[in-house]
């Protein structure tokens, strides 16, 4: 379900015109801290993080995501795709995630993205 933004403008004739835009999508790549307690912090925050993603999925913000794994299938980071108004809004949204608040994610990269419609 793509969300849309509506921008209202006044025409030269004074009429109000509604312009619709697709909500931008963003890719979030996060790497976990690498200290000895990093995995324990991830596991401790995981249920809160997943509960938040379920809520955000219902709102149409969270599209897809999952854990990044190392060669031993240990979780070492995350990948998420979200739909939000701007990169600044995405930064604010990420700052409220249990993995940030719980010191799980060390480095977070945010980039414009578009999910292929296949």
Protein backbone atom coordinates (compact mmCIF):
# COMPACT_ATOMS: atom_id res chain seq x y z
CA UNK A 1 0.00 0.00 0.00
CA UNK A 2 1.71 3.21 -1.20
CA UNK A 3 0.94 6.26 0.90
CA UNK A 4 0.55 9.63 -0.80
CA UNK A 5 1.25 13.22 0.11
CA UNK A 6 -1.25 15.88 -0.93
CA UNK A 7 -0.08 19.43 -1.56
CA UNK A 8 -2.71 22.15 -1.87
CA UNK A 9 -1.99 25.06 -4.20
CA UNK A 10 -3.99 28.03 -5.39
CA UNK A 11 -4.30 28.41 -9.16
CA UNK A 12 -4.01 31.74 -10.97
CA UNK A 13 -7.82 31.78 -11.08
CA UNK A 14 -7.95 31.40 -7.30
CA UNK A 15 -9.06 27.76 -7.27
CA UNK A 16 -7.51 25.34 -4.82
CA UNK A 17 -5.78 22.46 -6.58
CA UNK A 18 -4.71 19.26 -4.82
CA UNK A 19 -1.54 17.67 -6.17
CA UNK A 20 -0.78 14.10 -5.11
CA UNK A 21 2.72 12.72 -4.71
CA UNK A 22 3.86 9.22 -3.80
CA UNK A 23 5.47 9.08 -0.38
CA UNK A 24 9.27 8.78 -0.75
CA UNK A 25 10.90 5.50 0.24
CA UNK A 26 14.18 5.13 2.09
CA UNK A 27 16.64 2.30 2.66
CA UNK A 28 18.07 2.09 6.17
CA UNK A 29 21.23 0.04 6.67
CA UNK A 30 22.37 -0.31 10.26
CA UNK A 31 25.48 -2.00 11.63
CA UNK A 32 25.50 -3.23 15.21
CA UNK A 33 28.17 -2.35 17.72
CA UNK A 34 30.89 -5.01 17.76
CA UNK A 35 31.73 -5.19 21.48
CA UNK A 36 31.28 -8.43 23.42
CA UNK A 37 27.85 -7.40 24.79
CA UNK A 38 26.40 -6.22 21.45
CA UNK A 39 24.45 -9.40 20.69
CA UNK A 40 23.01 -9.53 24.22
CA UNK A 41 21.78 -5.91 23.86
CA UNK A 42 20.23 -6.79 20.49
CA UNK A 43 18.41 -9.78 21.93
CA UNK A 44 17.21 -7.73 24.91
CA UNK A 45 15.74 -5.01 22.63
CA UNK A 46 14.53 -7.32 19.86
CA UNK A 47 10.92 -7.85 20.97
CA UNK A 48 10.39 -4.11 21.44
CA UNK A 49 11.92 -3.43 18.01
CA UNK A 50 9.76 -6.08 16.32
CA UNK A 51 6.62 -4.83 18.09
CA UNK A 52 7.37 -1.33 16.81
CA UNK A 53 7.85 -2.65 13.25
CA UNK A 54 4.46 -4.40 13.42
CA UNK A 55 2.80 -1.11 14.42
CA UNK A 56 4.70 0.81 11.72
CA UNK A 57 3.71 -1.83 9.14
CA UNK A 58 0.03 -1.29 10.04
CA UNK A 59 0.52 2.47 9.54
CA UNK A 60 2.12 1.88 6.12
CA UNK A 61 5.51 3.26 7.17
CA UNK A 62 7.56 0.05 7.47
CA UNK A 63 7.62 -1.84 4.16
CA UNK A 64 10.14 -4.62 4.72
CA UNK A 65 13.32 -5.41 6.56
CA UNK A 66 15.33 -7.94 8.46
CA UNK A 67 18.56 -8.76 10.19
CA UNK A 68 21.95 -8.65 8.48
CA UNK A 69 23.86 -11.85 9.21
CA UNK A 70 27.52 -12.77 9.29
CA UNK A 71 28.94 -16.01 7.82
CA UNK A 72 27.88 -17.87 10.98
CA UNK A 73 24.28 -16.59 10.74
CA UNK A 74 24.76 -14.30 13.75
CA UNK A 75 22.81 -11.02 13.61
CA UNK A 76 25.17 -8.08 13.01
CA UNK A 77 22.86 -5.34 11.77
CA UNK A 78 19.59 -4.52 10.08
CA UNK A 79 18.07 -3.49 6.76
CA UNK A 80 14.75 -1.65 6.58
CA UNK A 81 12.73 0.02 3.85
CA UNK A 82 10.33 2.74 4.99
CA UNK A 83 8.01 5.33 3.48
CA UNK A 84 8.24 8.73 5.16
CA UNK A 85 8.08 12.38 4.08
CA UNK A 86 11.81 13.17 4.03
CA UNK A 87 15.24 12.00 5.10
CA UNK A 88 15.01 14.27 8.13
CA UNK A 89 11.78 12.55 9.19
CA UNK A 90 13.47 9.17 8.69
CA UNK A 91 16.37 10.27 10.93
CA UNK A 92 13.89 11.25 13.65
CA UNK A 93 11.98 7.98 13.19
CA UNK A 94 15.21 5.95 13.50
CA UNK A 95 16.24 7.87 16.63
CA UNK A 96 13.18 6.46 18.42
CA UNK A 97 13.92 2.81 17.60
CA UNK A 98 14.65 0.45 20.50
CA UNK A 99 17.86 -0.61 18.72
CA UNK A 100 19.13 2.99 18.91
CA UNK A 101 17.86 3.57 22.44
CA UNK A 102 19.29 0.20 23.52
CA UNK A 103 22.75 0.87 22.01
CA UNK A 104 22.40 -1.94 19.45
CA UNK A 105 22.93 0.02 16.22
CA UNK A 106 26.30 1.73 15.93
CA UNK A 107 26.26 3.16 12.40
CA UNK A 108 23.11 3.93 10.42
CA UNK A 109 23.02 4.84 6.73
CA UNK A 110 19.87 6.31 5.15
CA UNK A 111 19.47 6.54 1.39
CA UNK A 112 16.60 7.31 -1.00
CA UNK A 113 15.19 4.05 -2.37
CA UNK A 114 12.42 2.69 -4.54
CA UNK A 115 10.99 -0.78 -4.18
CA UNK A 116 10.59 -2.41 -7.60
CA UNK A 117 7.01 -3.11 -8.56
CA UNK A 118 7.45 -6.66 -9.85
